């Protein structure tokens, strides 16, 4: 992905860092994982279409990042980020041929 622009609410970023120990600055690196898996998030798309991306961050954490697209898909707005659950880890692992432990 070239020239990806990101945005987020700074207050939500601080809350997310305290709650999940992952900053949105780190979360944005998940989008550069060539093996990342993108999911629709219909349960949280009442007011805007939201998505989840599951991938490895620059600090080698497997994360899931909730986000939406803005400005004709030229901007990714990060909503939240957390470490992946065991089930999400399994999904990612199966998607890359069992390479992740």
C-alpha atoms as a PDB file:
ATOM      1  CA  UNK A   1       0.000   0.000   0.000  1.00  0.00           C
ATOM      2  CA  UNK A   2       1.470   3.319  -1.019  1.00  0.00           C
ATOM      3  CA  UNK A   3       0.737   6.692   0.513  1.00  0.00           C
ATOM      4  CA  UNK A   4      -1.728   5.482   3.116  1.00  0.00           C
ATOM      5  CA  UNK A   5      -2.945   8.309   5.321  1.00  0.00           C
ATOM      6  CA  UNK A   6      -4.222   7.614   8.808  1.00  0.00           C
ATOM      7  CA  UNK A   7      -6.249   9.584  11.304  1.00  0.00           C
ATOM      8  CA  UNK A   8      -7.662   8.960  14.758  1.00  0.00           C
ATOM      9  CA  UNK A   9      -9.074  10.653  17.795  1.00  0.00           C
ATOM     10  CA  UNK A  10      -6.207  11.430  20.186  1.00  0.00           C
ATOM     11  CA  UNK A  11      -8.386  10.880  23.271  1.00  0.00           C
ATOM     12  CA  UNK A  12      -9.430   7.433  21.999  1.00  0.00           C
ATOM     13  CA  UNK A  13      -5.772   6.659  21.332  1.00  0.00           C
ATOM     14  CA  UNK A  14      -4.875   7.417  24.960  1.00  0.00           C
ATOM     15  CA  UNK A  15      -7.787   5.309  26.223  1.00  0.00           C
ATOM     16  CA  UNK A  16      -6.802   2.463  23.890  1.00  0.00           C
ATOM     17  CA  UNK A  17      -3.163   2.555  25.085  1.00  0.00           C
ATOM     18  CA  UNK A  18      -4.283   2.285  28.709  1.00  0.00           C
ATOM     19  CA  UNK A  19      -6.872  -0.420  28.077  1.00  0.00           C
ATOM     20  CA  UNK A  20      -5.134  -2.567  25.434  1.00  0.00           C
ATOM     21  CA  UNK A  21      -1.459  -1.479  25.618  1.00  0.00           C
ATOM     22  CA  UNK A  22      -1.459  -0.723  21.869  1.00  0.00           C
ATOM     23  CA  UNK A  23      -1.159   2.775  20.442  1.00  0.00           C
ATOM     24  CA  UNK A  24      -2.821   3.739  17.188  1.00  0.00           C
ATOM     25  CA  UNK A  25       0.662   4.605  15.901  1.00  0.00           C
ATOM     26  CA  UNK A  26       1.560   0.921  16.329  1.00  0.00           C
ATOM     27  CA  UNK A  27      -1.859  -0.199  15.056  1.00  0.00           C
ATOM     28  CA  UNK A  28      -1.344   1.541  11.722  1.00  0.00           C
ATOM     29  CA  UNK A  29       1.646  -0.731  11.029  1.00  0.00           C
ATOM     30  CA  UNK A  30      -0.743  -3.708  10.811  1.00  0.00           C
ATOM     31  CA  UNK A  31      -1.884  -2.339   7.436  1.00  0.00           C
ATOM     32  CA  UNK A  32       1.603  -3.018   6.044  1.00  0.00           C
ATOM     33  CA  UNK A  33       1.483  -6.750   6.890  1.00  0.00           C
ATOM     34  CA  UNK A  34       1.313  -8.534   3.527  1.00  0.00           C
ATOM     35  CA  UNK A  35      -0.539 -11.410   5.214  1.00  0.00           C
ATOM     36  CA  UNK A  36      -3.132  -9.249   6.999  1.00  0.00           C
ATOM     37  CA  UNK A  37      -6.747 -10.378   6.727  1.00  0.00           C
ATOM     38  CA  UNK A  38      -9.545  -7.848   6.203  1.00  0.00           C
ATOM     39  CA  UNK A  39     -13.074  -8.457   7.531  1.00  0.00           C
ATOM     40  CA  UNK A  40     -16.339  -6.552   7.299  1.00  0.00           C
ATOM     41  CA  UNK A  41     -17.685  -5.478  10.708  1.00  0.00           C
ATOM     42  CA  UNK A  42     -21.468  -5.326  10.198  1.00  0.00           C
ATOM     43  CA  UNK A  43     -22.172  -5.412  13.954  1.00  0.00           C
ATOM     44  CA  UNK A  44     -20.544  -1.987  14.321  1.00  0.00           C
ATOM     45  CA  UNK A  45     -21.539  -0.448  10.982  1.00  0.00           C
ATOM     46  CA  UNK A  46     -24.809   1.211  11.948  1.00  0.00           C
ATOM     47  CA  UNK A  47     -23.641   4.782  11.229  1.00  0.00           C
ATOM     48  CA  UNK A  48     -20.645   4.127   8.962  1.00  0.00           C
ATOM     49  CA  UNK A  49     -19.200   1.067   7.253  1.00  0.00           C
ATOM     50  CA  UNK A  50     -16.531  -0.400   9.528  1.00  0.00           C
ATOM     51  CA  UNK A  51     -13.910  -3.046   9.003  1.00  0.00           C
ATOM     52  CA  UNK A  52     -11.445  -5.151  10.993  1.00  0.00           C
ATOM     53  CA  UNK A  53      -7.925  -5.982   9.919  1.00  0.00           C
ATOM     54  CA  UNK A  54      -5.979  -8.806  11.551  1.00  0.00           C
ATOM     55  CA  UNK A  55      -2.218  -8.688  11.193  1.00  0.00           C
ATOM     56  CA  UNK A  56       1.239  -8.354  12.688  1.00  0.00           C
ATOM     57  CA  UNK A  57       2.390  -4.944  13.942  1.00  0.00           C
ATOM     58  CA  UNK A  58       5.935  -3.573  13.734  1.00  0.00           C
ATOM     59  CA  UNK A  59       6.525  -4.837  17.289  1.00  0.00           C
ATOM     60  CA  UNK A  60       5.474  -8.326  16.157  1.00  0.00           C
ATOM     61  CA  UNK A  61       2.169  -8.337  18.032  1.00  0.00           C
ATOM     62  CA  UNK A  62      -0.771  -9.968  16.310  1.00  0.00           C
ATOM     63  CA  UNK A  63      -3.438  -7.260  16.476  1.00  0.00           C
ATOM     64  CA  UNK A  64      -6.958  -6.638  15.321  1.00  0.00           C
ATOM     65  CA  UNK A  65      -7.710  -3.056  14.311  1.00  0.00           C
ATOM     66  CA  UNK A  66     -11.186  -1.592  13.895  1.00  0.00           C
ATOM     67  CA  UNK A  67     -11.280   1.122  11.254  1.00  0.00           C
ATOM     68  CA  UNK A  68     -13.266   2.900   8.573  1.00  0.00           C
ATOM     69  CA  UNK A  69     -12.361   4.669   5.366  1.00  0.00           C
ATOM     70  CA  UNK A  70     -12.745   8.410   4.800  1.00  0.00           C
ATOM     71  CA  UNK A  71     -12.144  10.892   1.996  1.00  0.00           C
ATOM     72  CA  UNK A  72     -13.046   8.501  -0.845  1.00  0.00           C
ATOM     73  CA  UNK A  73     -11.008   5.714   0.782  1.00  0.00           C
ATOM     74  CA  UNK A  74      -7.839   7.856   0.846  1.00  0.00           C
ATOM     75  CA  UNK A  75      -7.758   8.009   4.662  1.00  0.00           C
ATOM     76  CA  UNK A  76      -7.996   5.158   7.162  1.00  0.00           C
ATOM     77  CA  UNK A  77      -9.539   6.226  10.471  1.00  0.00           C
ATOM     78  CA  UNK A  78      -8.463   3.919  13.300  1.00  0.00           C
ATOM     79  CA  UNK A  79     -11.206   3.364  15.871  1.00  0.00           C
ATOM     80  CA  UNK A  80      -9.631   0.790  18.205  1.00  0.00           C
ATOM     81  CA  UNK A  81      -6.883  -1.819  18.378  1.00  0.00           C
ATOM     82  CA  UNK A  82      -6.100  -4.773  20.611  1.00  0.00           C
ATOM     83  CA  UNK A  83      -4.121  -7.996  20.708  1.00  0.00           C
ATOM     84  CA  UNK A  84      -5.754 -10.857  18.847  1.00  0.00           C
ATOM     85  CA  UNK A  85      -7.653 -13.545  20.742  1.00  0.00           C
ATOM     86  CA  UNK A  86      -6.711 -17.228  20.521  1.00  0.00           C
ATOM     87  CA  UNK A  87      -9.435 -17.774  17.921  1.00  0.00           C
ATOM     88  CA  UNK A  88      -8.251 -14.794  15.857  1.00  0.00           C
ATOM     89  CA  UNK A  89      -4.685 -16.091  16.099  1.00  0.00           C
ATOM     90  CA  UNK A  90      -5.890 -19.424  14.729  1.00  0.00           C
ATOM     91  CA  UNK A  91      -7.638 -17.673  11.821  1.00  0.00           C
ATOM     92  CA  UNK A  92      -4.480 -15.722  10.984  1.00  0.00           C
ATOM     93  CA  UNK A  93      -2.275 -18.791  11.358  1.00  0.00           C
ATOM     94  CA  UNK A  94      -4.474 -20.837   9.026  1.00  0.00           C
ATOM     95  CA  UNK A  95      -4.470 -17.980   6.531  1.00  0.00           C
ATOM     96  CA  UNK A  96      -0.666 -17.962   6.273  1.00  0.00           C
ATOM     97  CA  UNK A  97      -0.246 -21.711   6.095  1.00  0.00           C
ATOM     98  CA  UNK A  98       0.382 -22.454   9.751  1.00  0.00           C
ATOM     99  CA  UNK A  99       3.573 -20.400  10.100  1.00  0.00           C
ATOM    100  CA  UNK A 100       2.595 -18.497  13.266  1.00  0.00           C
ATOM    101  CA  UNK A 101       2.758 -20.111  16.696  1.00  0.00           C
END
